[in-house]
PDB file of N, CA and C in Angstrom:
ATOM      1  N   MET A   1       0.775  -1.136  -0.141  1.00  0.00           N
ATOM      2  CA  MET A   1       0.108  -0.152   0.161  1.00  0.00           C
ATOM      3  C   MET A   1       0.943   1.154   0.171  1.00  0.00           C
ATOM      4  N   VAL A   2       1.826   1.281   0.724  1.00  0.00           N
ATOM      5  CA  VAL A   2       2.895   2.258   1.075  1.00  0.00           C
ATOM      6  C   VAL A   2       3.353   2.613  -0.476  1.00  0.00           C
ATOM      7  N   TYR A   3       3.985   1.314  -1.093  1.00  0.00           N
ATOM      8  CA  TYR A   3       4.595   1.512  -2.012  1.00  0.00           C
ATOM      9  C   TYR A   3       3.663   1.983  -3.421  1.00  0.00           C
ATOM     10  N   ASN A   4       2.555   1.529  -3.333  1.00  0.00           N
ATOM     11  CA  ASN A   4       1.425   2.134  -4.369  1.00  0.00           C
ATOM     12  C   ASN A   4       1.435   3.729  -4.494  1.00  0.00           C
ATOM     13  N   ARG A   5       1.373   4.236  -3.056  1.00  0.00           N
ATOM     14  CA  ARG A   5       1.352   5.538  -2.979  1.00  0.00           C
ATOM     15  C   ARG A   5       2.558   6.282  -3.491  1.00  0.00           C
ATOM     16  N   LEU A   6       3.674   5.820  -3.133  1.00  0.00           N
ATOM     17  CA  LEU A   6       4.975   6.104  -3.624  1.00  0.00           C
ATOM     18  C   LEU A   6       5.016   6.169  -5.069  1.00  0.00           C
ATOM     19  N   MET A   7       4.612   5.068  -5.629  1.00  0.00           N
ATOM     20  CA  MET A   7       4.701   4.981  -7.070  1.00  0.00           C
ATOM     21  C   MET A   7       3.747   6.077  -7.769  1.00  0.00           C
ATOM     22  N   ARG A   8       2.626   6.108  -7.106  1.00  0.00           N
ATOM     23  CA  ARG A   8       1.578   7.278  -7.734  1.00  0.00           C
ATOM     24  C   ARG A   8       2.299   8.757  -7.523  1.00  0.00           C
ATOM     25  N   ARG A   9       2.902   8.957  -6.311  1.00  0.00           N
ATOM     26  CA  ARG A   9       3.469  10.191  -6.206  1.00  0.00           C
ATOM     27  C   ARG A   9       4.670  10.672  -7.317  1.00  0.00           C
ATOM     28  N   GLN A  10       5.678   9.711  -7.615  1.00  0.00           N
ATOM     29  CA  GLN A  10       6.387   9.617  -8.366  1.00  0.00           C
ATOM     30  C   GLN A  10       5.899   9.735  -9.877  1.00  0.00           C
ATOM     31  N   VAL A  11       4.849   9.067 -10.233  1.00  0.00           N
ATOM     32  CA  VAL A  11       4.019   9.281 -11.584  1.00  0.00           C
ATOM     33  C   VAL A  11       3.637  10.860 -11.634  1.00  0.00           C
ATOM     34  N   ALA A  12       2.920  11.239 -10.368  1.00  0.00           N
ATOM     35  CA  ALA A  12       2.264  12.411 -10.453  1.00  0.00           C
ATOM     36  C   ALA A  12       3.605  13.755 -10.671  1.00  0.00           C
ATOM     37  N   ALA A  13       4.602  13.355 -10.171  1.00  0.00           N
ATOM     38  CA  ALA A  13       5.806  14.385 -10.063  1.00  0.00           C
ATOM     39  C   ALA A  13       6.460  14.300 -11.546  1.00  0.00           C
ATOM     40  N   LYS A  14       6.399  13.164 -12.394  1.00  0.00           N
ATOM     41  CA  LYS A  14       6.915  13.108 -13.577  1.00  0.00           C
ATOM     42  C   LYS A  14       5.723  13.893 -14.241  1.00  0.00           C
ATOM     43  N   LEU A  15       4.677  13.739 -14.268  1.00  0.00           N
ATOM     44  CA  LEU A  15       3.485  14.510 -15.024  1.00  0.00           C
ATOM     45  C   LEU A  15       3.803  15.842 -14.758  1.00  0.00           C
ATOM     46  N   ASP A  16       3.721  16.251 -13.456  1.00  0.00           N
ATOM     47  CA  ASP A  16       3.892  17.603 -13.430  1.00  0.00           C
ATOM     48  C   ASP A  16       4.982  18.266 -14.018  1.00  0.00           C
ATOM     49  N   ALA A  17       6.102  17.272 -14.147  1.00  0.00           N
ATOM     50  CA  ALA A  17       7.541  18.383 -14.597  1.00  0.00           C
ATOM     51  C   ALA A  17       7.109  18.316 -16.113  1.00  0.00           C
ATOM     52  N   VAL A  18       6.594  17.377 -16.538  1.00  0.00           N
ATOM     53  CA  VAL A  18       6.103  17.377 -18.248  1.00  0.00           C
ATOM     54  C   VAL A  18       5.079  18.448 -18.642  1.00  0.00           C
ATOM     55  N   PHE A  19       4.142  18.579 -17.919  1.00  0.00           N
ATOM     56  CA  PHE A  19       3.057  19.585 -18.205  1.00  0.00           C
ATOM     57  C   PHE A  19       3.701  20.929 -18.007  1.00  0.00           C
ATOM     58  N   GLY A  20       4.283  21.210 -16.637  1.00  0.00           N
ATOM     59  CA  GLY A  20       5.087  22.371 -16.477  1.00  0.00           C
ATOM     60  C   GLY A  20       6.065  22.890 -17.432  1.00  0.00           C
ATOM     61  N   ALA A  21       6.814  21.789 -17.998  1.00  0.00           N
ATOM     62  CA  ALA A  21       7.859  21.921 -19.203  1.00  0.00           C
ATOM     63  C   ALA A  21       7.179  22.491 -20.314  1.00  0.00           C
ATOM     64  N   LEU A  22       6.249  21.873 -20.627  1.00  0.00           N
ATOM     65  CA  LEU A  22       5.467  22.106 -21.856  1.00  0.00           C
ATOM     66  C   LEU A  22       4.327  23.424 -21.794  1.00  0.00           C
ATOM     67  N   SER A  23       4.312  23.988 -20.613  1.00  0.00           N
ATOM     68  CA  SER A  23       3.619  25.251 -20.705  1.00  0.00           C
ATOM     69  C   SER A  23       4.055  26.426 -21.049  1.00  0.00           C
ATOM     70  N   ASP A  24       5.267  26.294 -21.459  1.00  0.00           N
ATOM     71  CA  ASP A  24       5.914  27.654 -21.883  1.00  0.00           C
ATOM     72  C   ASP A  24       5.939  27.493 -23.380  1.00  0.00           C
ATOM     73  N   PRO A  25       5.325  28.659 -24.271  1.00  0.00           N
ATOM     74  CA  PRO A  25       5.473  28.396 -25.645  1.00  0.00           C
ATOM     75  C   PRO A  25       6.961  28.220 -26.163  1.00  0.00           C
ATOM     76  N   THR A  26       7.897  28.808 -25.781  1.00  0.00           N
ATOM     77  CA  THR A  26       9.318  28.709 -26.261  1.00  0.00           C
ATOM     78  C   THR A  26       9.650  27.180 -26.099  1.00  0.00           C
ATOM     79  N   ARG A  27       9.558  26.713 -24.806  1.00  0.00           N
ATOM     80  CA  ARG A  27       9.743  25.025 -24.754  1.00  0.00           C
ATOM     81  C   ARG A  27       8.954  24.308 -25.617  1.00  0.00           C
ATOM     82  N   ARG A  28       7.875  24.377 -26.183  1.00  0.00           N
ATOM     83  CA  ARG A  28       7.083  23.499 -26.931  1.00  0.00           C
ATOM     84  C   ARG A  28       7.447  23.591 -28.337  1.00  0.00           C
ATOM     85  N   ALA A  29       7.892  24.788 -28.647  1.00  0.00           N
ATOM     86  CA  ALA A  29       8.376  25.230 -30.109  1.00  0.00           C
ATOM     87  C   ALA A  29       9.953  24.443 -30.063  1.00  0.00           C
ATOM     88  N   ILE A  30      10.605  24.358 -28.806  1.00  0.00           N
ATOM     89  CA  ILE A  30      11.763  23.694 -28.893  1.00  0.00           C
ATOM     90  C   ILE A  30      11.586  22.206 -29.032  1.00  0.00           C
ATOM     91  N   VAL A  31      10.635  21.645 -28.523  1.00  0.00           N
ATOM     92  CA  VAL A  31      10.273  20.294 -28.547  1.00  0.00           C
ATOM     93  C   VAL A  31       9.588  20.197 -30.041  1.00  0.00           C
ATOM     94  N   GLU A  32       8.883  20.879 -30.607  1.00  0.00           N
ATOM     95  CA  GLU A  32       8.558  20.794 -32.015  1.00  0.00           C
ATOM     96  C   GLU A  32       9.697  20.601 -32.863  1.00  0.00           C
ATOM     97  N   ARG A  33      10.786  21.443 -32.580  1.00  0.00           N
ATOM     98  CA  ARG A  33      11.779  21.439 -33.559  1.00  0.00           C
ATOM     99  C   ARG A  33      12.788  20.066 -33.365  1.00  0.00           C
ATOM    100  N   LEU A  34      12.869  19.864 -32.052  1.00  0.00           N
ATOM    101  CA  LEU A  34      13.583  18.419 -31.956  1.00  0.00           C
ATOM    102  C   LEU A  34      12.842  17.334 -32.421  1.00  0.00           C
ATOM    103  N   ALA A  35      11.534  17.171 -32.525  1.00  0.00           N
ATOM    104  CA  ALA A  35      10.835  16.033 -32.914  1.00  0.00           C
ATOM    105  C   ALA A  35      11.262  15.733 -34.668  1.00  0.00           C
ATOM    106  N   LEU A  36      11.620  16.918 -35.147  1.00  0.00           N
ATOM    107  CA  LEU A  36      12.216  16.753 -36.291  1.00  0.00           C
ATOM    108  C   LEU A  36      13.686  16.006 -36.343  1.00  0.00           C
ATOM    109  N   GLY A  37      14.492  16.115 -35.105  1.00  0.00           N
ATOM    110  CA  GLY A  37      15.804  15.616 -35.256  1.00  0.00           C
ATOM    111  C   GLY A  37      16.516  16.315 -34.462  1.00  0.00           C
ATOM    112  N   GLU A  38      17.740  15.604 -34.005  1.00  0.00           N
ATOM    113  CA  GLU A  38      18.802  16.241 -33.119  1.00  0.00           C
ATOM    114  C   GLU A  38      19.372  17.643 -33.838  1.00  0.00           C
ATOM    115  N   LEU A  39      19.493  18.515 -32.872  1.00  0.00           N
ATOM    116  CA  LEU A  39      20.123  19.888 -33.216  1.00  0.00           C
ATOM    117  C   LEU A  39      20.969  20.326 -32.220  1.00  0.00           C
ATOM    118  N   SER A  40      21.860  21.220 -32.464  1.00  0.00           N
ATOM    119  CA  SER A  40      22.894  21.863 -31.477  1.00  0.00           C
ATOM    120  C   SER A  40      22.108  22.759 -30.966  1.00  0.00           C
ATOM    121  N   VAL A  41      22.745  23.340 -29.680  1.00  0.00           N
ATOM    122  CA  VAL A  41      22.031  24.493 -28.873  1.00  0.00           C
ATOM    123  C   VAL A  41      22.004  25.721 -30.002  1.00  0.00           C
ATOM    124  N   SER A  42      23.039  25.913 -30.476  1.00  0.00           N
ATOM    125  CA  SER A  42      22.655  27.277 -31.701  1.00  0.00           C
ATOM    126  C   SER A  42      21.750  27.178 -32.429  1.00  0.00           C
ATOM    127  N   GLU A  43      21.853  25.990 -33.326  1.00  0.00           N
ATOM    128  CA  GLU A  43      20.657  25.688 -34.108  1.00  0.00           C
ATOM    129  C   GLU A  43      19.170  25.941 -33.433  1.00  0.00           C
ATOM    130  N   LEU A  44      18.976  25.335 -32.320  1.00  0.00           N
ATOM    131  CA  LEU A  44      17.838  25.403 -31.582  1.00  0.00           C
ATOM    132  C   LEU A  44      17.644  26.995 -31.165  1.00  0.00           C
ATOM    133  N   ALA A  45      18.695  27.721 -30.877  1.00  0.00           N
ATOM    134  CA  ALA A  45      18.279  29.180 -30.619  1.00  0.00           C
ATOM    135  C   ALA A  45      18.133  29.927 -31.865  1.00  0.00           C
ATOM    136  N   ALA A  46      18.696  29.637 -32.771  1.00  0.00           N
ATOM    137  CA  ALA A  46      18.668  30.696 -34.179  1.00  0.00           C
ATOM    138  C   ALA A  46      17.206  31.125 -34.378  1.00  0.00           C
ATOM    139  N   PRO A  47      16.075  30.719 -34.352  1.00  0.00           N
ATOM    140  CA  PRO A  47      14.582  31.332 -34.655  1.00  0.00           C
ATOM    141  C   PRO A  47      14.119  32.169 -33.471  1.00  0.00           C
ATOM    142  N   PHE A  48      14.920  32.203 -32.354  1.00  0.00           N
ATOM    143  CA  PHE A  48      14.048  32.833 -31.124  1.00  0.00           C
ATOM    144  C   PHE A  48      14.732  34.089 -30.951  1.00  0.00           C
ATOM    145  N   ARG A  49      13.968  34.958 -30.511  1.00  0.00           N
ATOM    146  CA  ARG A  49      14.584  36.383 -30.210  1.00  0.00           C
ATOM    147  C   ARG A  49      14.823  36.563 -28.608  1.00  0.00           C
ATOM    148  N   VAL A  50      15.680  35.370 -28.227  1.00  0.00           N
ATOM    149  CA  VAL A  50      16.023  35.386 -26.799  1.00  0.00           C
ATOM    150  C   VAL A  50      17.591  34.870 -26.808  1.00  0.00           C
ATOM    151  N   SER A  51      18.365  35.254 -25.811  1.00  0.00           N
ATOM    152  CA  SER A  51      19.762  35.034 -25.487  1.00  0.00           C
ATOM    153  C   SER A  51      19.908  33.487 -25.376  1.00  0.00           C
ATOM    154  N   LEU A  52      21.460  33.139 -25.705  1.00  0.00           N
ATOM    155  CA  LEU A  52      21.555  31.655 -25.650  1.00  0.00           C
ATOM    156  C   LEU A  52      21.419  31.116 -24.267  1.00  0.00           C
ATOM    157  N   PRO A  53      21.891  31.969 -23.140  1.00  0.00           N
ATOM    158  CA  PRO A  53      21.454  31.687 -21.897  1.00  0.00           C
ATOM    159  C   PRO A  53      20.303  31.474 -21.497  1.00  0.00           C
ATOM    160  N   ALA A  54      19.135  32.156 -22.335  1.00  0.00           N
ATOM    161  CA  ALA A  54      17.650  31.877 -22.017  1.00  0.00           C
ATOM    162  C   ALA A  54      17.423  30.558 -22.721  1.00  0.00           C
ATOM    163  N   ILE A  55      17.743  30.370 -23.786  1.00  0.00           N
ATOM    164  CA  ILE A  55      17.402  28.889 -24.408  1.00  0.00           C
ATOM    165  C   ILE A  55      18.073  27.859 -23.471  1.00  0.00           C
ATOM    166  N   SER A  56      19.301  28.055 -22.844  1.00  0.00           N
ATOM    167  CA  SER A  56      19.810  26.987 -22.181  1.00  0.00           C
ATOM    168  C   SER A  56      19.076  26.926 -20.708  1.00  0.00           C
ATOM    169  N   LYS A  57      18.336  27.920 -20.435  1.00  0.00           N
ATOM    170  CA  LYS A  57      17.584  27.898 -19.046  1.00  0.00           C
ATOM    171  C   LYS A  57      16.230  26.784 -19.259  1.00  0.00           C
ATOM    172  N   HIS A  58      15.664  27.148 -20.786  1.00  0.00           N
ATOM    173  CA  HIS A  58      14.541  26.400 -21.321  1.00  0.00           C
ATOM    174  C   HIS A  58      15.130  25.067 -21.382  1.00  0.00           C
ATOM    175  N   LEU A  59      16.234  24.869 -22.154  1.00  0.00           N
ATOM    176  CA  LEU A  59      16.680  23.361 -22.123  1.00  0.00           C
ATOM    177  C   LEU A  59      16.835  22.688 -20.917  1.00  0.00           C
ATOM    178  N   ARG A  60      17.146  23.434 -19.769  1.00  0.00           N
ATOM    179  CA  ARG A  60      17.359  22.687 -18.362  1.00  0.00           C
ATOM    180  C   ARG A  60      15.954  22.175 -17.733  1.00  0.00           C
ATOM    181  N   VAL A  61      15.145  23.101 -18.293  1.00  0.00           N
ATOM    182  CA  VAL A  61      13.596  22.799 -17.584  1.00  0.00           C
ATOM    183  C   VAL A  61      13.192  21.482 -18.578  1.00  0.00           C
ATOM    184  N   LEU A  62      13.560  21.415 -19.703  1.00  0.00           N
ATOM    185  CA  LEU A  62      13.165  20.230 -20.646  1.00  0.00           C
ATOM    186  C   LEU A  62      13.811  19.082 -20.083  1.00  0.00           C
ATOM    187  N   GLU A  63      15.052  19.192 -19.857  1.00  0.00           N
ATOM    188  CA  GLU A  63      16.004  18.149 -19.454  1.00  0.00           C
ATOM    189  C   GLU A  63      15.377  17.557 -17.961  1.00  0.00           C
ATOM    190  N   GLU A  64      15.099  18.492 -17.129  1.00  0.00           N
ATOM    191  CA  GLU A  64      14.665  18.050 -15.704  1.00  0.00           C
ATOM    192  C   GLU A  64      13.466  17.264 -16.052  1.00  0.00           C
ATOM    193  N   ALA A  65      12.661  17.533 -16.956  1.00  0.00           N
ATOM    194  CA  ALA A  65      11.255  17.031 -17.025  1.00  0.00           C
ATOM    195  C   ALA A  65      11.666  15.629 -17.914  1.00  0.00           C
ATOM    196  N   GLY A  66      12.949  15.132 -18.263  1.00  0.00           N
ATOM    197  CA  GLY A  66      13.186  14.025 -19.236  1.00  0.00           C
ATOM    198  C   GLY A  66      12.881  14.299 -20.539  1.00  0.00           C
ATOM    199  N   LEU A  67      12.468  15.325 -20.890  1.00  0.00           N
ATOM    200  CA  LEU A  67      11.831  15.596 -22.481  1.00  0.00           C
ATOM    201  C   LEU A  67      13.130  15.588 -23.318  1.00  0.00           C
ATOM    202  N   VAL A  68      14.356  15.928 -22.872  1.00  0.00           N
ATOM    203  CA  VAL A  68      15.615  16.514 -23.683  1.00  0.00           C
ATOM    204  C   VAL A  68      16.504  15.767 -22.947  1.00  0.00           C
ATOM    205  N   THR A  69      17.683  15.542 -23.843  1.00  0.00           N
ATOM    206  CA  THR A  69      18.776  14.890 -23.233  1.00  0.00           C
ATOM    207  C   THR A  69      19.932  15.706 -24.140  1.00  0.00           C
ATOM    208  N   ARG A  70      20.910  16.262 -23.624  1.00  0.00           N
ATOM    209  CA  ARG A  70      22.211  16.943 -24.224  1.00  0.00           C
ATOM    210  C   ARG A  70      23.430  16.069 -24.195  1.00  0.00           C
ATOM    211  N   HIS A  71      24.100  16.130 -25.200  1.00  0.00           N
ATOM    212  CA  HIS A  71      25.478  15.244 -25.212  1.00  0.00           C
ATOM    213  C   HIS A  71      26.648  16.317 -25.773  1.00  0.00           C
ATOM    214  N   LYS A  72      27.678  16.320 -25.609  1.00  0.00           N
ATOM    215  CA  LYS A  72      28.913  16.950 -26.194  1.00  0.00           C
ATOM    216  C   LYS A  72      29.416  16.352 -27.120  1.00  0.00           C
ATOM    217  N   GLN A  73      29.649  16.999 -28.283  1.00  0.00           N
ATOM    218  CA  GLN A  73      30.581  16.406 -29.361  1.00  0.00           C
ATOM    219  C   GLN A  73      31.642  17.786 -29.676  1.00  0.00           C
ATOM    220  N   GLY A  74      32.920  17.260 -29.419  1.00  0.00           N
ATOM    221  CA  GLY A  74      33.740  18.330 -29.525  1.00  0.00           C
ATOM    222  C   GLY A  74      33.440  19.653 -28.803  1.00  0.00           C
ATOM    223  N   ARG A  75      33.246  20.762 -29.160  1.00  0.00           N
ATOM    224  CA  ARG A  75      32.690  21.785 -28.561  1.00  0.00           C
ATOM    225  C   ARG A  75      31.379  22.198 -28.339  1.00  0.00           C
ATOM    226  N   VAL A  76      30.686  21.515 -29.219  1.00  0.00           N
ATOM    227  CA  VAL A  76      29.360  21.676 -29.458  1.00  0.00           C
ATOM    228  C   VAL A  76      28.576  20.719 -28.646  1.00  0.00           C
ATOM    229  N   TYR A  77      27.292  21.305 -28.159  1.00  0.00           N
ATOM    230  CA  TYR A  77      26.357  20.493 -27.490  1.00  0.00           C
ATOM    231  C   TYR A  77      24.951  20.073 -28.367  1.00  0.00           C
ATOM    232  N   TYR A  78      24.827  19.022 -28.354  1.00  0.00           N
ATOM    233  CA  TYR A  78      23.693  18.612 -29.240  1.00  0.00           C
ATOM    234  C   TYR A  78      22.378  18.143 -28.346  1.00  0.00           C
ATOM    235  N   CYS A  79      21.241  18.449 -28.814  1.00  0.00           N
ATOM    236  CA  CYS A  79      20.111  18.005 -28.113  1.00  0.00           C
ATOM    237  C   CYS A  79      19.076  17.030 -28.680  1.00  0.00           C
ATOM    238  N   HIS A  80      18.583  16.130 -27.870  1.00  0.00           N
ATOM    239  CA  HIS A  80      17.624  15.021 -28.518  1.00  0.00           C
ATOM    240  C   HIS A  80      16.557  15.171 -27.832  1.00  0.00           C
ATOM    241  N   LEU A  81      15.362  14.714 -28.567  1.00  0.00           N
ATOM    242  CA  LEU A  81      13.965  14.571 -27.948  1.00  0.00           C
ATOM    243  C   LEU A  81      13.979  13.425 -27.242  1.00  0.00           C
ATOM    244  N   ASN A  82      13.487  13.027 -26.124  1.00  0.00           N
ATOM    245  CA  ASN A  82      13.084  11.867 -25.653  1.00  0.00           C
ATOM    246  C   ASN A  82      11.571  12.009 -25.358  1.00  0.00           C
ATOM    247  N   VAL A  83      10.917  10.747 -26.180  1.00  0.00           N
ATOM    248  CA  VAL A  83       9.462  10.693 -26.439  1.00  0.00           C
ATOM    249  C   VAL A  83       8.689  10.167 -25.382  1.00  0.00           C
ATOM    250  N   GLU A  84       9.421   9.317 -24.419  1.00  0.00           N
ATOM    251  CA  GLU A  84       8.755   8.562 -23.426  1.00  0.00           C
ATOM    252  C   GLU A  84       7.934   9.448 -22.456  1.00  0.00           C
ATOM    253  N   PRO A  85       8.420  10.648 -22.044  1.00  0.00           N
ATOM    254  CA  PRO A  85       7.558  11.430 -21.006  1.00  0.00           C
ATOM    255  C   PRO A  85       6.356  11.875 -21.950  1.00  0.00           C
ATOM    256  N   ILE A  86       6.566  12.404 -22.931  1.00  0.00           N
ATOM    257  CA  ILE A  86       5.316  12.838 -23.763  1.00  0.00           C
ATOM    258  C   ILE A  86       4.429  11.696 -23.885  1.00  0.00           C
ATOM    259  N   GLN A  87       4.708  10.492 -24.347  1.00  0.00           N
ATOM    260  CA  GLN A  87       3.750   9.407 -24.308  1.00  0.00           C
ATOM    261  C   GLN A  87       3.131   9.021 -23.086  1.00  0.00           C
ATOM    262  N   SER A  88       3.816   9.081 -21.848  1.00  0.00           N
ATOM    263  CA  SER A  88       3.155   8.711 -20.824  1.00  0.00           C
ATOM    264  C   SER A  88       2.226  10.059 -20.342  1.00  0.00           C
ATOM    265  N   ALA A  89       2.273  11.144 -20.695  1.00  0.00           N
ATOM    266  CA  ALA A  89       1.559  12.420 -20.561  1.00  0.00           C
ATOM    267  C   ALA A  89       0.264  11.841 -21.566  1.00  0.00           C
ATOM    268  N   SER A  90       0.391  11.502 -22.602  1.00  0.00           N
ATOM    269  CA  SER A  90      -0.731  11.380 -23.752  1.00  0.00           C
ATOM    270  C   SER A  90      -1.737  10.086 -23.177  1.00  0.00           C
ATOM    271  N   VAL A  91      -0.985   8.905 -22.394  1.00  0.00           N
ATOM    272  CA  VAL A  91      -1.674   8.061 -21.791  1.00  0.00           C
ATOM    273  C   VAL A  91      -2.354   8.668 -20.950  1.00  0.00           C
ATOM    274  N   TRP A  92      -2.058   9.414 -20.046  1.00  0.00           N
ATOM    275  CA  TRP A  92      -2.711   9.770 -19.001  1.00  0.00           C
ATOM    276  C   TRP A  92      -3.905  10.964 -19.452  1.00  0.00           C
ATOM    277  N   ILE A  93      -3.850  11.590 -20.412  1.00  0.00           N
ATOM    278  CA  ILE A  93      -4.713  12.555 -21.295  1.00  0.00           C
ATOM    279  C   ILE A  93      -5.873  11.506 -21.746  1.00  0.00           C
ATOM    280  N   ASP A  94      -5.398  10.521 -22.633  1.00  0.00           N
ATOM    281  CA  ASP A  94      -6.428   9.933 -23.265  1.00  0.00           C
ATOM    282  C   ASP A  94      -7.265   8.856 -21.992  1.00  0.00           C
ATOM    283  N   ARG A  95      -6.684   8.586 -21.053  1.00  0.00           N
ATOM    284  CA  ARG A  95      -7.577   8.130 -19.812  1.00  0.00           C
ATOM    285  C   ARG A  95      -8.839   9.032 -19.545  1.00  0.00           C
ATOM    286  N   TYR A  96      -8.546  10.330 -19.363  1.00  0.00           N
ATOM    287  CA  TYR A  96      -9.640  11.441 -18.824  1.00  0.00           C
ATOM    288  C   TYR A  96     -10.293  11.944 -20.114  1.00  0.00           C
ATOM    289  N   ARG A  97      -9.756  11.534 -21.386  1.00  0.00           N
ATOM    290  CA  ARG A  97     -10.438  12.283 -22.337  1.00  0.00           C
ATOM    291  C   ARG A  97     -11.665  11.396 -22.639  1.00  0.00           C
ATOM    292  N   LEU A  98     -11.363   9.902 -22.473  1.00  0.00           N
ATOM    293  CA  LEU A  98     -12.544   8.902 -22.337  1.00  0.00           C
ATOM    294  C   LEU A  98     -13.532   9.182 -21.597  1.00  0.00           C
ATOM    295  N   PHE A  99     -13.319   9.473 -20.268  1.00  0.00           N
ATOM    296  CA  PHE A  99     -14.130   9.673 -19.220  1.00  0.00           C
ATOM    297  C   PHE A  99     -15.048  11.178 -19.627  1.00  0.00           C
ATOM    298  N   TRP A 100     -14.261  12.168 -19.913  1.00  0.00           N
ATOM    299  CA  TRP A 100     -14.949  13.417 -20.402  1.00  0.00           C
ATOM    300  C   TRP A 100     -15.895  13.221 -21.353  1.00  0.00           C
ATOM    301  N   GLU A 101     -15.408  12.452 -22.407  1.00  0.00           N
ATOM    302  CA  GLU A 101     -16.419  12.302 -23.672  1.00  0.00           C
ATOM    303  C   GLU A 101     -17.635  11.572 -23.162  1.00  0.00           C
ATOM    304  N   GLY A 102     -17.433  10.595 -22.190  1.00  0.00           N
ATOM    305  CA  GLY A 102     -18.576  10.043 -21.567  1.00  0.00           C
ATOM    306  C   GLY A 102     -19.623  10.945 -20.971  1.00  0.00           C
ATOM    307  N   GLN A 103     -18.926  11.713 -20.127  1.00  0.00           N
ATOM    308  CA  GLN A 103     -19.700  12.890 -19.425  1.00  0.00           C
ATOM    309  C   GLN A 103     -20.415  13.737 -20.353  1.00  0.00           C
ATOM    310  N   PHE A 104     -19.787  14.062 -21.288  1.00  0.00           N
ATOM    311  CA  PHE A 104     -20.436  15.174 -22.393  1.00  0.00           C
ATOM    312  C   PHE A 104     -21.559  14.370 -23.108  1.00  0.00           C
ATOM    313  N   GLY A 105     -21.285  13.140 -23.570  1.00  0.00           N
ATOM    314  CA  GLY A 105     -22.241  12.395 -24.034  1.00  0.00           C
ATOM    315  C   GLY A 105     -23.690  12.291 -23.259  1.00  0.00           C
ATOM    316  N   GLN A 106     -23.284  12.029 -21.760  1.00  0.00           N
ATOM    317  CA  GLN A 106     -24.615  12.253 -20.846  1.00  0.00           C
ATOM    318  C   GLN A 106     -25.327  13.375 -20.899  1.00  0.00           C
ATOM    319  N   LEU A 107     -24.375  14.404 -21.176  1.00  0.00           N
ATOM    320  CA  LEU A 107     -24.990  15.963 -20.818  1.00  0.00           C
ATOM    321  C   LEU A 107     -25.883  16.367 -22.199  1.00  0.00           C
ATOM    322  N   ALA A 108     -25.205  15.562 -23.436  1.00  0.00           N
ATOM    323  CA  ALA A 108     -26.110  15.893 -24.695  1.00  0.00           C
ATOM    324  C   ALA A 108     -27.270  15.308 -24.603  1.00  0.00           C
ATOM    325  N   ARG A 109     -27.207  13.954 -24.310  1.00  0.00           N
ATOM    326  CA  ARG A 109     -28.594  13.262 -24.150  1.00  0.00           C
ATOM    327  C   ARG A 109     -29.520  13.721 -23.108  1.00  0.00           C
ATOM    328  N   PHE A 110     -28.996  14.390 -22.002  1.00  0.00           N
ATOM    329  CA  PHE A 110     -29.946  15.108 -21.206  1.00  0.00           C
ATOM    330  C   PHE A 110     -30.451  16.353 -21.742  1.00  0.00           C
ATOM    331  N   LEU A 111     -29.710  17.082 -22.600  1.00  0.00           N
ATOM    332  CA  LEU A 111     -30.235  18.281 -23.227  1.00  0.00           C
ATOM    333  C   LEU A 111     -31.405  17.958 -24.264  1.00  0.00           C
ATOM    334  N   GLU A 112     -30.841  17.124 -25.113  1.00  0.00           N
ATOM    335  CA  GLU A 112     -32.014  16.485 -25.970  1.00  0.00           C
ATOM    336  C   GLU A 112     -33.270  16.052 -25.466  1.00  0.00           C
ATOM    337  N   GLN A 113     -33.231  15.580 -24.242  1.00  0.00           N
ATOM    338  CA  GLN A 113     -34.419  15.408 -23.566  1.00  0.00           C
ATOM    339  C   GLN A 113     -35.234  16.401 -23.316  1.00  0.00           C
ATOM    340  N   GLU A 114     -34.259  17.618 -22.560  1.00  0.00           N
ATOM    341  CA  GLU A 114     -34.942  18.824 -22.374  1.00  0.00           C
ATOM    342  C   GLU A 114     -35.582  19.516 -23.463  1.00  0.00           C
ATOM    343  N   ASP A 115     -35.022  19.599 -24.525  1.00  0.00           N
ATOM    344  CA  ASP A 115     -35.372  20.025 -26.028  1.00  0.00           C
ATOM    345  C   ASP A 115     -36.555  19.400 -26.175  1.00  0.00           C
ATOM    346  N   ASP A 116     -37.094  18.238 -26.148  1.00  0.00           N
ATOM    347  CA  ASP A 116     -38.094  17.268 -26.462  1.00  0.00           C
ATOM    348  C   ASP A 116     -39.021  17.729 -25.655  1.00  0.00           C
ATOM    349  N   GLY A 117     -39.041  18.629 -24.518  1.00  0.00           N
ATOM    350  CA  GLY A 117     -39.867  18.520 -23.580  1.00  0.00           C
ATOM    351  C   GLY A 117     -40.221  17.299 -22.575  1.00  0.00           C
ATOM    352  N   GLU A 118     -39.382  16.286 -22.449  1.00  0.00           N
ATOM    353  CA  GLU A 118     -39.358  15.390 -21.551  1.00  0.00           C
ATOM    354  C   GLU A 118     -39.089  15.599 -20.363  1.00  0.00           C
ATOM    355  N   GLU A 119     -39.527  15.099 -19.430  1.00  0.00           N
ATOM    356  CA  GLU A 119     -39.362  15.312 -17.913  1.00  0.00           C
ATOM    357  C   GLU A 119     -38.121  14.455 -17.695  1.00  0.00           C
ATOM    358  N   VAL A 120     -37.061  14.682 -16.911  1.00  0.00           N
ATOM    359  CA  VAL A 120     -36.125  14.068 -16.551  1.00  0.00           C
ATOM    360  C   VAL A 120     -36.129  13.631 -15.010  1.00  0.00           C
TER     361      VAL A 120
END
């Protein structure tokens, strides 16, 4: 029982980190660019109107969430997207999407009955 609670807390903490990292539009744009393939930090920073240190801070948040890994080749740092945390978040979202679709379906049936003048 204690083990289950600990596991749920760890899963929740990972989801919090992923959703927190993806809450920023610059970080989402970085993830989108990395979805196309590995890029250097300079290549990642090129389209943004922010400093290289600011991009590094965004990358650090993405790394802490497990979304990005960096490795050094010579003097250049390259970034790679890890899809596993996104897949885990997607599974969580899908579970609740099914729930809410069911709730909306029930609401739609209720409203249709109301429109038809039926008493519920």
